[in-house]
C-alpha atoms as a PDB file:
ATOM      1  CA  UNK A   1     -37.975-132.385   5.374  1.00  0.00           C
ATOM      2  CA  UNK A   2     -37.120-135.579   7.302  1.00  0.00           C
ATOM      3  CA  UNK A   3     -38.312-135.485  11.111  1.00  0.00           C
ATOM      4  CA  UNK A   4     -36.444-136.505  14.152  1.00  0.00           C
ATOM      5  CA  UNK A   5     -37.830-138.423  17.154  1.00  0.00           C
ATOM      6  CA  UNK A   6     -36.428-139.606  20.292  1.00  0.00           C
ATOM      7  CA  UNK A   7     -35.255-143.329  20.000  1.00  0.00           C
ATOM      8  CA  UNK A   8     -37.122-146.179  21.643  1.00  0.00           C
ATOM      9  CA  UNK A   9     -35.789-149.378  23.401  1.00  0.00           C
ATOM     10  CA  UNK A  10     -36.909-151.278  19.966  1.00  0.00           C
ATOM     11  CA  UNK A  11     -34.527-149.280  17.977  1.00  0.00           C
ATOM     12  CA  UNK A  12     -31.418-150.953  19.274  1.00  0.00           C
ATOM     13  CA  UNK A  13     -31.165-153.529  16.243  1.00  0.00           C
ATOM     14  CA  UNK A  14     -31.668-150.498  13.670  1.00  0.00           C
ATOM     15  CA  UNK A  15     -29.158-148.473  15.313  1.00  0.00           C
ATOM     16  CA  UNK A  16     -26.464-151.232  15.346  1.00  0.00           C
ATOM     17  CA  UNK A  17     -27.236-151.697  11.370  1.00  0.00           C
ATOM     18  CA  UNK A  18     -26.943-148.065  10.822  1.00  0.00           C
ATOM     19  CA  UNK A  19     -23.500-148.089  12.738  1.00  0.00           C
ATOM     20  CA  UNK A  20     -22.409-150.950  10.679  1.00  0.00           C
ATOM     21  CA  UNK A  21     -23.416-149.530   7.329  1.00  0.00           C
ATOM     22  CA  UNK A  22     -21.746-146.395   8.208  1.00  0.00           C
ATOM     23  CA  UNK A  23     -18.300-147.901   9.485  1.00  0.00           C
ATOM     24  CA  UNK A  24     -18.080-145.191  11.999  1.00  0.00           C
ATOM     25  CA  UNK A  25     -16.422-147.366  14.741  1.00  0.00           C
ATOM     26  CA  UNK A  26     -16.764-150.998  16.426  1.00  0.00           C
ATOM     27  CA  UNK A  27     -20.054-151.300  18.067  1.00  0.00           C
ATOM     28  CA  UNK A  28     -20.286-152.935  21.574  1.00  0.00           C
ATOM     29  CA  UNK A  29     -20.584-156.908  21.495  1.00  0.00           C
ATOM     30  CA  UNK A  30     -21.928-159.216  22.275  1.00  0.00           C
ATOM     31  CA  UNK A  31     -25.614-158.551  21.973  1.00  0.00           C
ATOM     32  CA  UNK A  32     -26.355-159.105  25.482  1.00  0.00           C
ATOM     33  CA  UNK A  33     -23.839-156.344  26.374  1.00  0.00           C
ATOM     34  CA  UNK A  34     -25.282-154.004  23.781  1.00  0.00           C
ATOM     35  CA  UNK A  35     -28.830-154.631  25.231  1.00  0.00           C
ATOM     36  CA  UNK A  36     -27.573-153.669  28.607  1.00  0.00           C
ATOM     37  CA  UNK A  37     -25.751-150.368  27.172  1.00  0.00           C
ATOM     38  CA  UNK A  38     -28.724-149.418  25.425  1.00  0.00           C
ATOM     39  CA  UNK A  39     -30.963-149.779  28.384  1.00  0.00           C
ATOM     40  CA  UNK A  40     -28.475-147.876  30.510  1.00  0.00           C
ATOM     41  CA  UNK A  41     -28.374-145.051  27.895  1.00  0.00           C
ATOM     42  CA  UNK A  42     -32.069-144.727  27.784  1.00  0.00           C
ATOM     43  CA  UNK A  43     -32.530-144.739  31.587  1.00  0.00           C
ATOM     44  CA  UNK A  44     -29.602-142.354  32.040  1.00  0.00           C
ATOM     45  CA  UNK A  45     -30.704-138.654  33.033  1.00  0.00           C
ATOM     46  CA  UNK A  46     -29.458-136.047  30.584  1.00  0.00           C
ATOM     47  CA  UNK A  47     -28.794-138.521  27.733  1.00  0.00           C
ATOM     48  CA  UNK A  48     -31.128-138.206  24.796  1.00  0.00           C
ATOM     49  CA  UNK A  49     -30.833-140.283  21.430  1.00  0.00           C
ATOM     50  CA  UNK A  50     -32.497-138.985  18.480  1.00  0.00           C
ATOM     51  CA  UNK A  51     -33.191-140.742  15.318  1.00  0.00           C
ATOM     52  CA  UNK A  52     -34.558-140.018  11.752  1.00  0.00           C
ATOM     53  CA  UNK A  53     -36.566-142.872   9.767  1.00  0.00           C
ATOM     54  CA  UNK A  54     -37.015-143.587   6.108  1.00  0.00           C
ATOM     55  CA  UNK A  55     -39.816-146.037   5.203  1.00  0.00           C
ATOM     56  CA  UNK A  56     -39.363-147.469   8.718  1.00  0.00           C
ATOM     57  CA  UNK A  57     -35.377-147.735   8.575  1.00  0.00           C
ATOM     58  CA  UNK A  58     -33.507-145.737  10.984  1.00  0.00           C
ATOM     59  CA  UNK A  59     -31.040-143.658   8.752  1.00  0.00           C
ATOM     60  CA  UNK A  60     -29.564-141.220  11.111  1.00  0.00           C
ATOM     61  CA  UNK A  61     -29.054-140.653  14.841  1.00  0.00           C
ATOM     62  CA  UNK A  62     -27.153-138.448  17.197  1.00  0.00           C
ATOM     63  CA  UNK A  63     -26.889-138.466  21.049  1.00  0.00           C
ATOM     64  CA  UNK A  64     -27.115-135.373  23.069  1.00  0.00           C
ATOM     65  CA  UNK A  65     -25.764-135.438  26.740  1.00  0.00           C
ATOM     66  CA  UNK A  66     -26.365-132.620  29.192  1.00  0.00           C
ATOM     67  CA  UNK A  67     -24.776-132.165  32.487  1.00  0.00           C
ATOM     68  CA  UNK A  68     -25.267-129.740  35.399  1.00  0.00           C
ATOM     69  CA  UNK A  69     -22.778-126.907  35.587  1.00  0.00           C
ATOM     70  CA  UNK A  70     -22.077-124.735  38.710  1.00  0.00           C
ATOM     71  CA  UNK A  71     -20.617-121.948  36.223  1.00  0.00           C
ATOM     72  CA  UNK A  72     -22.249-120.110  33.460  1.00  0.00           C
ATOM     73  CA  UNK A  73     -25.044-119.051  35.833  1.00  0.00           C
ATOM     74  CA  UNK A  74     -25.824-122.752  36.593  1.00  0.00           C
ATOM     75  CA  UNK A  75     -26.718-123.186  32.845  1.00  0.00           C
ATOM     76  CA  UNK A  76     -26.141-126.931  31.679  1.00  0.00           C
ATOM     77  CA  UNK A  77     -23.505-128.058  29.652  1.00  0.00           C
ATOM     78  CA  UNK A  78     -24.474-129.939  26.264  1.00  0.00           C
ATOM     79  CA  UNK A  79     -22.361-132.462  24.386  1.00  0.00           C
ATOM     80  CA  UNK A  80     -23.134-133.860  20.869  1.00  0.00           C
ATOM     81  CA  UNK A  81     -21.944-137.384  20.167  1.00  0.00           C
ATOM     82  CA  UNK A  82     -22.514-140.264  17.779  1.00  0.00           C
ATOM     83  CA  UNK A  83     -23.578-138.366  14.875  1.00  0.00           C
ATOM     84  CA  UNK A  84     -24.278-140.851  12.055  1.00  0.00           C
ATOM     85  CA  UNK A  85     -26.091-140.749   8.705  1.00  0.00           C
ATOM     86  CA  UNK A  86     -26.325-143.929   6.469  1.00  0.00           C
ATOM     87  CA  UNK A  87     -24.160-143.163   3.576  1.00  0.00           C
ATOM     88  CA  UNK A  88     -27.083-143.882   1.096  1.00  0.00           C
ATOM     89  CA  UNK A  89     -29.113-141.402   2.651  1.00  0.00           C
ATOM     90  CA  UNK A  90     -26.778-138.442   3.359  1.00  0.00           C
ATOM     91  CA  UNK A  91     -27.667-135.121   1.604  1.00  0.00           C
ATOM     92  CA  UNK A  92     -31.444-135.731   2.299  1.00  0.00           C
ATOM     93  CA  UNK A  93     -31.804-133.930   5.588  1.00  0.00           C
ATOM     94  CA  UNK A  94     -31.789-136.736   8.155  1.00  0.00           C
ATOM     95  CA  UNK A  95     -28.386-135.638   9.717  1.00  0.00           C
ATOM     96  CA  UNK A  96     -29.979-132.145   9.943  1.00  0.00           C
ATOM     97  CA  UNK A  97     -33.091-133.376  11.477  1.00  0.00           C
ATOM     98  CA  UNK A  98     -31.572-135.377  14.367  1.00  0.00           C
ATOM     99  CA  UNK A  99     -28.866-132.540  15.174  1.00  0.00           C
ATOM    100  CA  UNK A 100     -31.594-129.851  14.899  1.00  0.00           C
ATOM    101  CA  UNK A 101     -33.769-131.890  17.417  1.00  0.00           C
ATOM    102  CA  UNK A 102     -30.711-132.258  19.766  1.00  0.00           C
ATOM    103  CA  UNK A 103     -30.119-128.695  19.669  1.00  0.00           C
ATOM    104  CA  UNK A 104     -33.848-127.742  20.333  1.00  0.00           C
ATOM    105  CA  UNK A 105     -33.634-129.993  23.367  1.00  0.00           C
ATOM    106  CA  UNK A 106     -30.427-128.612  24.554  1.00  0.00           C
ATOM    107  CA  UNK A 107     -31.790-124.930  24.404  1.00  0.00           C
ATOM    108  CA  UNK A 108     -35.135-126.116  25.888  1.00  0.00           C
ATOM    109  CA  UNK A 109     -32.863-127.795  28.830  1.00  0.00           C
ATOM    110  CA  UNK A 110     -31.301-124.445  29.393  1.00  0.00           C
ATOM    111  CA  UNK A 111     -27.704-125.395  28.146  1.00  0.00           C
ATOM    112  CA  UNK A 112     -25.240-122.494  27.866  1.00  0.00           C
ATOM    113  CA  UNK A 113     -23.676-124.288  24.687  1.00  0.00           C
ATOM    114  CA  UNK A 114     -23.293-127.375  22.807  1.00  0.00           C
ATOM    115  CA  UNK A 115     -19.872-128.826  22.446  1.00  0.00           C
ATOM    116  CA  UNK A 116     -19.082-131.540  19.717  1.00  0.00           C
ATOM    117  CA  UNK A 117     -15.818-132.685  18.099  1.00  0.00           C
ATOM    118  CA  UNK A 118     -15.481-134.259  14.768  1.00  0.00           C
ATOM    119  CA  UNK A 119     -12.399-136.472  13.589  1.00  0.00           C
ATOM    120  CA  UNK A 120     -13.542-136.500  10.135  1.00  0.00           C
ATOM    121  CA  UNK A 121     -11.005-134.779   7.484  1.00  0.00           C
ATOM    122  CA  UNK A 122     -14.064-134.402   4.824  1.00  0.00           C
ATOM    123  CA  UNK A 123     -14.631-130.679   4.314  1.00  0.00           C
ATOM    124  CA  UNK A 124     -18.449-131.407   3.663  1.00  0.00           C
ATOM    125  CA  UNK A 125     -18.758-132.881   7.111  1.00  0.00           C
ATOM    126  CA  UNK A 126     -17.148-129.422   8.554  1.00  0.00           C
ATOM    127  CA  UNK A 127     -19.570-127.487   6.208  1.00  0.00           C
ATOM    128  CA  UNK A 128     -22.621-129.622   7.501  1.00  0.00           C
ATOM    129  CA  UNK A 129     -21.822-128.584  11.141  1.00  0.00           C
ATOM    130  CA  UNK A 130     -21.168-124.923  10.420  1.00  0.00           C
ATOM    131  CA  UNK A 131     -24.359-124.739   8.429  1.00  0.00           C
ATOM    132  CA  UNK A 132     -26.114-125.821  11.721  1.00  0.00           C
ATOM    133  CA  UNK A 133     -24.601-123.173  13.701  1.00  0.00           C
ATOM    134  CA  UNK A 134     -21.440-124.819  15.073  1.00  0.00           C
ATOM    135  CA  UNK A 135     -18.511-122.365  15.040  1.00  0.00           C
ATOM    136  CA  UNK A 136     -15.126-123.935  14.725  1.00  0.00           C
ATOM    137  CA  UNK A 137     -12.031-122.827  16.573  1.00  0.00           C
ATOM    138  CA  UNK A 138     -13.884-121.339  19.506  1.00  0.00           C
ATOM    139  CA  UNK A 139     -12.161-123.813  21.626  1.00  0.00           C
ATOM    140  CA  UNK A 140      -9.469-126.380  21.555  1.00  0.00           C
ATOM    141  CA  UNK A 141     -10.488-130.007  21.771  1.00  0.00           C
ATOM    142  CA  UNK A 142      -8.141-132.518  23.834  1.00  0.00           C
ATOM    143  CA  UNK A 143      -8.665-136.118  24.023  1.00  0.00           C
ATOM    144  CA  UNK A 144      -6.977-138.431  26.681  1.00  0.00           C
ATOM    145  CA  UNK A 145      -6.821-141.929  25.608  1.00  0.00           C
ATOM    146  CA  UNK A 146      -7.336-144.812  27.907  1.00  0.00           C
ATOM    147  CA  UNK A 147      -3.638-146.278  28.363  1.00  0.00           C
ATOM    148  CA  UNK A 148      -3.289-149.881  27.496  1.00  0.00           C
ATOM    149  CA  UNK A 149      -3.933-152.173  30.319  1.00  0.00           C
ATOM    150  CA  UNK A 150      -1.794-155.364  30.421  1.00  0.00           C
ATOM    151  CA  UNK A 151      -3.614-158.655  30.280  1.00  0.00           C
ATOM    152  CA  UNK A 152      -3.631-160.509  33.395  1.00  0.00           C
END
């Protein structure tokens, strides 16, 4: 079974390569902005990025964001984002390792629950999340998109 670890500052290039290979979304550019964003991510309280390696190459990642909460008896909220596995390494346990590590951290940090959304239509993706204990349909997800801002 693959193991997950917390990401290091030196993992930025490997993560950008993983995102490019997975074609999940456009990454931050230029490189200087990516470096600033990565440093901010690593320094931000309550943000944890997990990775799984195979022969020294990062092949899966996810980000857990935890936030304080005045409800739920003061137990934190957890949000799972940016779950990505390299297409050539799917089905080998790397995704399960990073999500499992994120959930373990969330429970250790006294989170009431961990929320996540998936925009993927592939039923295998949903089966993956359900196999890790996520239950669909308990909540309804809404998304507000940033309005286009006119140039000028």
